[in-house]
């Protein structure tokens, strides 16, 4: 791995933001949210935070909007916990992997139940 520092910073940001979302955010729009992955650019200037959320599409949109509006608060909290010369610019994105996996599982289950009902 060429950029070990970027990988270490990814892990630190992942852990810090996860804790902050669970305990520190008071925004009522932010519901049940899990940080699934953090990608930090090689130059450590940008960080994409992928979050998985529970709820309807409107609730997910509200949660993402709440996280984006709390970006300054989150960066400030990170600057106190992580001793970095430059803190990356944060970008929150919705992680749809769980929804995609659930959809595939549902389709496979339907195909399996259909095949078991048809006589040979």
C-alpha atoms as a PDB file:
ATOM      1  CA  UNK A   1       0.000   0.000   0.000  1.00  0.00           C
ATOM      2  CA  UNK A   2       1.495   3.262  -1.116  1.00  0.00           C
ATOM      3  CA  UNK A   3      -0.352   5.731   1.105  1.00  0.00           C
ATOM      4  CA  UNK A   4      -0.447   4.186   4.551  1.00  0.00           C
ATOM      5  CA  UNK A   5      -1.081   7.527   6.226  1.00  0.00           C
ATOM      6  CA  UNK A   6      -4.267   8.082   4.223  1.00  0.00           C
ATOM      7  CA  UNK A   7      -5.509   4.649   5.304  1.00  0.00           C
ATOM      8  CA  UNK A   8      -4.788   5.388   8.980  1.00  0.00           C
ATOM      9  CA  UNK A   9      -6.565   8.739   8.746  1.00  0.00           C
ATOM     10  CA  UNK A  10      -9.560   7.035   7.088  1.00  0.00           C
ATOM     11  CA  UNK A  11      -9.874   4.700  10.053  1.00  0.00           C
ATOM     12  CA  UNK A  12      -9.544   7.539  12.570  1.00  0.00           C
ATOM     13  CA  UNK A  13     -12.166   9.660  10.804  1.00  0.00           C
ATOM     14  CA  UNK A  14     -14.500   6.651  10.515  1.00  0.00           C
ATOM     15  CA  UNK A  15     -14.290   5.944  14.230  1.00  0.00           C
ATOM     16  CA  UNK A  16     -14.590   9.582  15.311  1.00  0.00           C
ATOM     17  CA  UNK A  17     -17.578  10.395  13.097  1.00  0.00           C
ATOM     18  CA  UNK A  18     -19.350   7.172  14.123  1.00  0.00           C
ATOM     19  CA  UNK A  19     -19.031   8.105  17.784  1.00  0.00           C
ATOM     20  CA  UNK A  20     -20.072  11.677  17.105  1.00  0.00           C
ATOM     21  CA  UNK A  21     -23.209  10.674  15.206  1.00  0.00           C
ATOM     22  CA  UNK A  22     -24.218   8.268  17.977  1.00  0.00           C
ATOM     23  CA  UNK A  23     -23.687  10.669  20.845  1.00  0.00           C
ATOM     24  CA  UNK A  24     -22.983  14.242  19.818  1.00  0.00           C
ATOM     25  CA  UNK A  25     -25.419  15.331  17.116  1.00  0.00           C
ATOM     26  CA  UNK A  26     -28.613  16.909  18.349  1.00  0.00           C
ATOM     27  CA  UNK A  27     -30.212  17.426  14.922  1.00  0.00           C
ATOM     28  CA  UNK A  28     -33.633  15.704  14.971  1.00  0.00           C
ATOM     29  CA  UNK A  29     -33.361  14.973  11.238  1.00  0.00           C
ATOM     30  CA  UNK A  30     -30.458  12.596  11.793  1.00  0.00           C
ATOM     31  CA  UNK A  31     -32.078   9.254  12.509  1.00  0.00           C
ATOM     32  CA  UNK A  32     -30.566   5.805  12.797  1.00  0.00           C
ATOM     33  CA  UNK A  33     -27.360   6.262  10.804  1.00  0.00           C
ATOM     34  CA  UNK A  34     -24.261   4.111  10.426  1.00  0.00           C
ATOM     35  CA  UNK A  35     -20.983   5.193   8.853  1.00  0.00           C
ATOM     36  CA  UNK A  36     -20.129   2.356   6.492  1.00  0.00           C
ATOM     37  CA  UNK A  37     -17.008   3.632   4.788  1.00  0.00           C
ATOM     38  CA  UNK A  38     -14.686   6.621   4.609  1.00  0.00           C
ATOM     39  CA  UNK A  39     -12.546   7.381   1.572  1.00  0.00           C
ATOM     40  CA  UNK A  40      -9.777   9.940   1.983  1.00  0.00           C
ATOM     41  CA  UNK A  41      -7.983  11.292  -1.076  1.00  0.00           C
ATOM     42  CA  UNK A  42      -4.267  10.596  -1.365  1.00  0.00           C
ATOM     43  CA  UNK A  43      -3.413  14.231  -0.674  1.00  0.00           C
ATOM     44  CA  UNK A  44      -5.660  14.181   2.462  1.00  0.00           C
ATOM     45  CA  UNK A  45      -7.688  17.196   1.288  1.00  0.00           C
ATOM     46  CA  UNK A  46     -11.069  15.503   0.767  1.00  0.00           C
ATOM     47  CA  UNK A  47     -12.978  12.774   2.590  1.00  0.00           C
ATOM     48  CA  UNK A  48     -16.113  11.020   1.377  1.00  0.00           C
ATOM     49  CA  UNK A  49     -18.167   9.602   4.229  1.00  0.00           C
ATOM     50  CA  UNK A  50     -20.634   6.910   3.176  1.00  0.00           C
ATOM     51  CA  UNK A  51     -23.578   6.467   5.532  1.00  0.00           C
ATOM     52  CA  UNK A  52     -26.308   3.859   5.673  1.00  0.00           C
ATOM     53  CA  UNK A  53     -29.676   5.036   6.978  1.00  0.00           C
ATOM     54  CA  UNK A  54     -32.926   3.434   8.027  1.00  0.00           C
ATOM     55  CA  UNK A  55     -36.349   4.752   7.085  1.00  0.00           C
ATOM     56  CA  UNK A  56     -38.309   5.964   4.100  1.00  0.00           C
ATOM     57  CA  UNK A  57     -36.761   7.825   1.193  1.00  0.00           C
ATOM     58  CA  UNK A  58     -37.883  11.147   2.704  1.00  0.00           C
ATOM     59  CA  UNK A  59     -36.338  10.274   6.082  1.00  0.00           C
ATOM     60  CA  UNK A  60     -33.098   9.276   4.355  1.00  0.00           C
ATOM     61  CA  UNK A  61     -33.028  12.573   2.450  1.00  0.00           C
ATOM     62  CA  UNK A  62     -33.678  14.488   5.688  1.00  0.00           C
ATOM     63  CA  UNK A  63     -30.903  12.592   7.473  1.00  0.00           C
ATOM     64  CA  UNK A  64     -28.446  13.331   4.680  1.00  0.00           C
ATOM     65  CA  UNK A  65     -29.465  17.015   4.742  1.00  0.00           C
ATOM     66  CA  UNK A  66     -28.966  17.067   8.524  1.00  0.00           C
ATOM     67  CA  UNK A  67     -25.492  15.587   8.189  1.00  0.00           C
ATOM     68  CA  UNK A  68     -24.566  18.071   5.488  1.00  0.00           C
ATOM     69  CA  UNK A  69     -25.757  20.992   7.606  1.00  0.00           C
ATOM     70  CA  UNK A  70     -23.776  19.681  10.602  1.00  0.00           C
ATOM     71  CA  UNK A  71     -20.591  19.399   8.539  1.00  0.00           C
ATOM     72  CA  UNK A  72     -19.003  22.417  10.236  1.00  0.00           C
ATOM     73  CA  UNK A  73     -19.771  21.078  13.713  1.00  0.00           C
ATOM     74  CA  UNK A  74     -18.376  17.665  12.754  1.00  0.00           C
ATOM     75  CA  UNK A  75     -15.179  19.170  11.312  1.00  0.00           C
ATOM     76  CA  UNK A  76     -14.719  21.226  14.481  1.00  0.00           C
ATOM     77  CA  UNK A  77     -15.141  18.134  16.661  1.00  0.00           C
ATOM     78  CA  UNK A  78     -12.712  16.200  14.458  1.00  0.00           C
ATOM     79  CA  UNK A  79     -10.132  18.963  14.738  1.00  0.00           C
ATOM     80  CA  UNK A  80     -10.228  18.623  18.520  1.00  0.00           C
ATOM     81  CA  UNK A  81      -9.841  14.821  18.430  1.00  0.00           C
ATOM     82  CA  UNK A  82      -7.483  14.378  15.486  1.00  0.00           C
ATOM     83  CA  UNK A  83      -4.275  16.322  15.586  1.00  0.00           C
ATOM     84  CA  UNK A  84      -3.785  16.997  11.889  1.00  0.00           C
ATOM     85  CA  UNK A  85      -2.247  20.010  10.230  1.00  0.00           C
ATOM     86  CA  UNK A  86      -5.038  20.066   7.635  1.00  0.00           C
ATOM     87  CA  UNK A  87      -8.440  18.499   8.182  1.00  0.00           C
ATOM     88  CA  UNK A  88     -10.036  17.071   5.021  1.00  0.00           C
ATOM     89  CA  UNK A  89     -13.146  18.646   3.533  1.00  0.00           C
ATOM     90  CA  UNK A  90     -16.066  16.344   4.378  1.00  0.00           C
ATOM     91  CA  UNK A  91     -18.631  15.104   1.877  1.00  0.00           C
ATOM     92  CA  UNK A  92     -21.505  12.900   3.045  1.00  0.00           C
ATOM     93  CA  UNK A  93     -22.979  10.360   0.646  1.00  0.00           C
ATOM     94  CA  UNK A  94     -25.698   7.753   0.980  1.00  0.00           C
ATOM     95  CA  UNK A  95     -24.490   4.159   0.863  1.00  0.00           C
ATOM     96  CA  UNK A  96     -27.050   2.044  -0.977  1.00  0.00           C
ATOM     97  CA  UNK A  97     -25.230  -1.283  -0.653  1.00  0.00           C
ATOM     98  CA  UNK A  98     -27.559  -2.599   2.056  1.00  0.00           C
ATOM     99  CA  UNK A  99     -30.674  -1.705   0.037  1.00  0.00           C
ATOM    100  CA  UNK A 100     -29.175  -3.274  -3.060  1.00  0.00           C
ATOM    101  CA  UNK A 101     -28.301  -6.489  -1.200  1.00  0.00           C
ATOM    102  CA  UNK A 102     -31.818  -6.663   0.267  1.00  0.00           C
ATOM    103  CA  UNK A 103     -33.354  -6.250  -3.196  1.00  0.00           C
ATOM    104  CA  UNK A 104     -31.207  -9.046  -4.644  1.00  0.00           C
ATOM    105  CA  UNK A 105     -32.042 -11.298  -1.717  1.00  0.00           C
ATOM    106  CA  UNK A 106     -35.764 -10.644  -2.162  1.00  0.00           C
ATOM    107  CA  UNK A 107     -35.586 -11.422  -5.898  1.00  0.00           C
ATOM    108  CA  UNK A 108     -33.687 -14.659  -5.264  1.00  0.00           C
ATOM    109  CA  UNK A 109     -36.197 -15.674  -2.592  1.00  0.00           C
ATOM    110  CA  UNK A 110     -39.104 -15.016  -4.984  1.00  0.00           C
ATOM    111  CA  UNK A 111     -37.414 -17.039  -7.733  1.00  0.00           C
ATOM    112  CA  UNK A 112     -36.769 -19.900  -5.322  1.00  0.00           C
ATOM    113  CA  UNK A 113     -40.383 -19.935  -4.084  1.00  0.00           C
ATOM    114  CA  UNK A 114     -41.695 -19.856  -7.656  1.00  0.00           C
ATOM    115  CA  UNK A 115     -39.494 -22.751  -8.711  1.00  0.00           C
ATOM    116  CA  UNK A 116     -40.566 -24.847  -5.728  1.00  0.00           C
ATOM    117  CA  UNK A 117     -44.267 -24.328  -6.576  1.00  0.00           C
ATOM    118  CA  UNK A 118     -43.967 -25.476 -10.185  1.00  0.00           C
ATOM    119  CA  UNK A 119     -44.346 -29.241 -10.694  1.00  0.00           C
ATOM    120  CA  UNK A 120     -41.557 -31.101 -12.465  1.00  0.00           C
END
